Amino acid sequence: MSTFRWFTLRLFWSALLLPPLAFFLLWILHEIFFKDIYFPDVFLVIVAALLLFPLVSFALTSLGRRRFDFLQERGKSLLLTERGDAAAATLPLLRRLFDSGLLAPRDQEKCQQALRRTYFPFYAGHLEHAHAREQLLAALREGVRAEEAYYALKSYVLSQPQLTLGVAGIAEELLDYKPGDQALANFFVRHFLENRSTHYRAEYFYANHLSHDGGLSEAILDLCLERILGRERKDDFAAWCCARAFQSKWGADPGVRRALFHFDEDYRLAQREDDLARAVAACARLLSPEEIARWRTEGRPVPPATLKQQAQKWYVSAREWVWQALTWLRRHRAAALAGAGVLTVLLLYLNWPSRPQEETPAPQPAAAEPQQYFSLQVSSVRERLRANRLVQGLKSSGLEVRLIEPQTPAGWFAIRVGRYPSQEKAQAAGDSLKTAGIIQEFLVRSEERQ
């Protein structure tokens, strides 16, 4: 988005300045220097446009840099005088400058890094604001006073009375920075175990806890192991669950033992050598040779091919058949040309008209029914239960509501309302529903008629 604004702003000013510049340039050339001499005006206008764009870009970038330097120095001086509230007033002006398109994307990144260094104490002291938390996370990623940013964010996370997805996202980044911080991981593990949560956010903390073989591992396995074995999952969290279950009371479970065998086979094939692969290999070495021989003979159950996979298989087969046909034609070029010539002559003989036929006007094709309609996408959620609640709430208002399934397992459920023949009618209907308070925001989406 920043690149688009940067380009459109320069394009707008270049288009605005090009007509007077071209008029002045052509007037100078025709009336003063080259009277009564023809030369291509269009070419000169194109050259002027190509030269004008970088000049406009340089002027706008210089203006943005001066504006940023002024606001940064102003904020720095206010911070030095311990006037944090006044310094906070410069932050919206700086964000507006970044969103204006005056600065190039590369210059914008440099300015934001310098701003994080300057305002770091202010951000660390105002973590109740989402923008301050985002800037400290960016400082943590870039290594700008990373330790201070880490402990400031950790204190914020541990002091929250209620855990939200945003707080969990911050904790994930903190654990990625310091995977061995078990105080932070155990805090979230205990919270998710109390709520018996098994969503993907909880699994991240569960996997981190299992990788360190923490004291809550057995509780995690009691909650998640049966579900994982039933779905035959192959991700890292499932591997950690099977490895820790093998070392505890589930060591004799045939599902756990078989899953560990397949995990070990996969990791050996991929030449994986991390902690998880070593833990799985240590468990797999304790499996009996009879079990390994039986599982290798049985093999893994092959899931039924989906429609997309079958279509891809047919496409590959068709391409192979066409390639074989072209190869045969190249080898027997003379025979193929002779056969094509004979077939052409035969078709001409059979279809040669004996008398001129009267031309009949071709029937006019019937007007095709429009194959496209428009609908309002009012929400996108990840959880099916929440999506169903939103659908029922909209249906209670008398609306035609559809729940669009995600394309991938990690996708989002889309909720769409209505079917409208044109984009304008869909926009008007969305504005009416928004004014009535039935929906909050919406996007107009086009769909193909089935």
Foldseek 3Di string as FASTA:
>chain_A
DLQVLLVVVLVVVLVVPLVVVLVVVVCCCDPPPPDPDDDDSVVVSVVVSVVSSVVSLVVLQVVLVVVLVVLLVVLLVCVVVVNLVVSVVSVVVVVVSSNNNSHHPVVSVVSLVVSCLRCVVVLLVPVVDVVSLVSLLVCLVVVNVNVSSLVSLLVVLVPDPDDDPVSLVSLLSSCVSPLPPVVSLVVLQVVCLVVLDDDPSNLSSLLSCLLVPDPCLVSVLVSPVVVCLVVVDQDLSNLSSLLVCCVDPNVPPPSSLLSLLVNQVVCVVVVDDDSSNVSSVVSNVPDDPVSNVVCVVVDDDDDDDDPVRVVVVVVVVVVVVVVVVVVVCVVVVVVVVVVVVVVVVVVCVVPPDPDDDDDDDDDDDDDDDDFKWKWKFQDKAQDPVVVVVLQVLLVVVVWDKDWDDDPDNRGIIIIITDTGHDPVVNVVVVVVCCVVVSGPDIDMDMDTHD
